[in-house]
Amino acid sequence: MSTTVQVLFVVVAVLVGVVVAVISGVLSKVSGSPTGIVIRDSSVAFAGTAGLTLLLLKAIGVL
């Protein structure tokens, strides 16, 4: 598989992580959490989602 396609898959994984982080942050803020907790929850959601997506792509042989 070409390098360009692999880079696009990594970009998609990061964008999925960003979307999940934003949704997690909004839900956390709506529930009344302080800003520090919202930032922590969002960063954990981003790291977890992007990391697991990349691991999944690696496991199925795409990367």
C-alpha atoms as a PDB file:
ATOM      1  CA  MET A   1       0.000   0.000   0.000  1.00  0.00           C
ATOM      2  CA  SER A   2       1.297   3.408  -0.892  1.00  0.00           C
ATOM      3  CA  THR A   3       2.552   5.848   1.675  1.00  0.00           C
ATOM      4  CA  THR A   4      -0.065   8.420   0.693  1.00  0.00           C
ATOM      5  CA  VAL A   5      -2.908   6.038   1.534  1.00  0.00           C
ATOM      6  CA  GLN A   6      -1.305   5.179   4.861  1.00  0.00           C
ATOM      7  CA  VAL A   7      -0.962   8.874   5.707  1.00  0.00           C
ATOM      8  CA  LEU A   8      -4.629   9.406   4.853  1.00  0.00           C
ATOM      9  CA  PHE A   9      -5.618   6.576   7.191  1.00  0.00           C
ATOM     10  CA  VAL A  10      -3.581   8.159  10.001  1.00  0.00           C
ATOM     11  CA  VAL A  11      -5.245  11.519   9.328  1.00  0.00           C
ATOM     12  CA  VAL A  12      -8.665   9.848   9.481  1.00  0.00           C
ATOM     13  CA  ALA A  13      -7.743   8.212  12.808  1.00  0.00           C
ATOM     14  CA  VAL A  14      -6.696  11.588  14.237  1.00  0.00           C
ATOM     15  CA  LEU A  15      -9.865  13.268  12.973  1.00  0.00           C
ATOM     16  CA  VAL A  16     -12.028  10.548  14.530  1.00  0.00           C
ATOM     17  CA  GLY A  17     -10.150  11.166  17.779  1.00  0.00           C
ATOM     18  CA  VAL A  18     -10.815  14.897  17.553  1.00  0.00           C
ATOM     19  CA  VAL A  19     -14.536  14.368  16.944  1.00  0.00           C
ATOM     20  CA  VAL A  20     -14.833  11.998  19.903  1.00  0.00           C
ATOM     21  CA  ALA A  21     -12.849  14.406  22.102  1.00  0.00           C
ATOM     22  CA  VAL A  22     -15.108  17.330  21.214  1.00  0.00           C
ATOM     23  CA  ILE A  23     -18.254  15.304  21.874  1.00  0.00           C
ATOM     24  CA  SER A  24     -16.834  14.060  25.160  1.00  0.00           C
ATOM     25  CA  GLY A  25     -15.866  17.581  26.195  1.00  0.00           C
ATOM     26  CA  VAL A  26     -19.275  19.003  25.362  1.00  0.00           C
ATOM     27  CA  LEU A  27     -21.068  16.246  27.240  1.00  0.00           C
ATOM     28  CA  SER A  28     -18.768  16.709  30.215  1.00  0.00           C
ATOM     29  CA  LYS A  29     -19.283  20.496  30.249  1.00  0.00           C
ATOM     30  CA  VAL A  30     -23.074  20.168  29.902  1.00  0.00           C
ATOM     31  CA  SER A  31     -23.123  17.848  32.897  1.00  0.00           C
ATOM     32  CA  GLY A  32     -21.551  20.655  34.943  1.00  0.00           C
ATOM     33  CA  SER A  33     -17.926  19.587  35.233  1.00  0.00           C
ATOM     34  CA  PRO A  34     -15.229  22.206  35.855  1.00  0.00           C
ATOM     35  CA  THR A  35     -13.043  23.239  32.936  1.00  0.00           C
ATOM     36  CA  GLY A  36     -10.015  21.237  34.116  1.00  0.00           C
ATOM     37  CA  ILE A  37     -12.026  18.032  34.197  1.00  0.00           C
ATOM     38  CA  VAL A  38     -13.452  18.764  30.749  1.00  0.00           C
ATOM     39  CA  ILE A  39      -9.948  19.231  29.319  1.00  0.00           C
ATOM     40  CA  ARG A  40      -8.768  16.007  30.968  1.00  0.00           C
ATOM     41  CA  ASP A  41     -11.754  14.024  29.727  1.00  0.00           C
ATOM     42  CA  SER A  42     -11.359  15.358  26.204  1.00  0.00           C
ATOM     43  CA  SER A  43      -7.654  14.579  26.044  1.00  0.00           C
ATOM     44  CA  VAL A  44      -8.180  11.063  27.351  1.00  0.00           C
ATOM     45  CA  ALA A  45     -10.967  10.529  24.812  1.00  0.00           C
ATOM     46  CA  PHE A  46      -8.736  11.790  21.985  1.00  0.00           C
ATOM     47  CA  ALA A  47      -5.739   9.685  22.955  1.00  0.00           C
ATOM     48  CA  GLY A  48      -7.818   6.574  23.474  1.00  0.00           C
ATOM     49  CA  THR A  49      -9.795   6.857  20.268  1.00  0.00           C
ATOM     50  CA  ALA A  50      -6.896   7.795  18.016  1.00  0.00           C
ATOM     51  CA  GLY A  51      -4.645   5.155  19.581  1.00  0.00           C
ATOM     52  CA  LEU A  52      -7.184   2.364  19.344  1.00  0.00           C
ATOM     53  CA  THR A  53      -8.072   3.310  15.768  1.00  0.00           C
ATOM     54  CA  LEU A  54      -4.407   3.177  14.761  1.00  0.00           C
ATOM     55  CA  LEU A  55      -3.953  -0.163  16.539  1.00  0.00           C
ATOM     56  CA  LEU A  56      -7.002  -1.554  14.772  1.00  0.00           C
ATOM     57  CA  LEU A  57      -5.749  -0.377  11.396  1.00  0.00           C
ATOM     58  CA  LYS A  58      -2.352  -1.935  12.116  1.00  0.00           C
ATOM     59  CA  ALA A  59      -3.945  -5.213  13.233  1.00  0.00           C
ATOM     60  CA  ILE A  60      -6.013  -5.620  10.094  1.00  0.00           C
ATOM     61  CA  GLY A  61      -2.969  -4.881   7.943  1.00  0.00           C
ATOM     62  CA  VAL A  62      -3.917  -1.478   6.566  1.00  0.00           C
ATOM     63  CA  LEU A  63      -0.888   0.313   8.033  1.00  0.00           C
END
